[in-house]
Protein backbone atom coordinates (compact mmCIF):
# COMPACT_ATOMS: atom_id res chain seq x y z
CA UNK A 1 3.83 5.13 4.72
CA UNK A 2 2.84 2.04 2.65
CA UNK A 3 -1.03 2.51 2.25
CA UNK A 4 0.53 5.69 0.74
CA UNK A 5 3.31 4.96 -1.71
CA UNK A 6 0.77 2.29 -2.47
CA UNK A 7 -1.49 5.16 -3.46
CA UNK A 8 0.30 7.13 -5.27
CA UNK A 9 1.72 3.78 -7.04
CA UNK A 10 -1.75 3.03 -8.45
CA UNK A 11 -3.06 6.30 -9.34
CA UNK A 12 0.52 6.44 -10.83
CA UNK A 13 -0.55 3.14 -12.89
CA UNK A 14 -4.58 4.09 -13.56
CA UNK A 15 -3.36 7.43 -15.08
CA UNK A 16 -3.26 8.59 -17.92
CA UNK A 17 0.10 9.14 -19.70
CA UNK A 18 1.58 6.75 -17.22
CA UNK A 19 -0.79 4.11 -17.52
CA UNK A 20 0.65 4.08 -20.95
CA UNK A 21 4.76 3.10 -19.55
CA UNK A 22 2.92 1.02 -16.44
CA UNK A 23 0.65 -1.32 -19.52
CA UNK A 24 3.63 -1.52 -21.16
CA UNK A 25 6.09 -2.39 -18.41
CA UNK A 26 3.18 -4.68 -16.76
CA UNK A 27 3.13 -2.72 -13.88
CA UNK A 28 -0.24 -3.43 -12.06
CA UNK A 29 -2.02 -2.09 -8.79
CA UNK A 30 -0.88 -3.31 -5.58
CA UNK A 31 -3.33 -4.20 -2.11
CA UNK A 32 -3.64 -2.05 0.21
CA UNK A 33 -2.01 -3.42 4.11
CA UNK A 34 -4.67 -4.83 5.98
CA UNK A 35 -4.95 -6.16 9.38
CA UNK A 36 -6.63 -9.16 9.63
CA UNK A 37 -7.41 -9.72 13.54
CA UNK A 38 -8.51 -5.87 15.15
CA UNK A 39 -5.80 -7.36 18.32
CA UNK A 40 -3.44 -7.09 15.77
CA UNK A 41 -3.34 -3.50 16.28
CA UNK A 42 -3.04 -3.05 19.81
CA UNK A 43 0.33 -2.22 20.72
CA UNK A 44 2.24 -4.20 23.68
CA UNK A 45 2.29 -3.60 26.83
CA UNK A 46 5.84 -2.48 28.09
CA UNK A 47 6.94 -2.88 31.55
CA UNK A 48 10.61 -0.84 32.22
CA UNK A 49 11.00 -1.83 36.04
């Protein structure tokens, strides 16, 4: 969800005519969320005994 919202925002900031307003308001493109390590993506093991 977050990366999709960032993508939409970045397109708005870079597209005419909304980029004119974005520049006046000093909006800048945002970075996408990325994991540094592949191990952070692993889901935790859960035991419901």
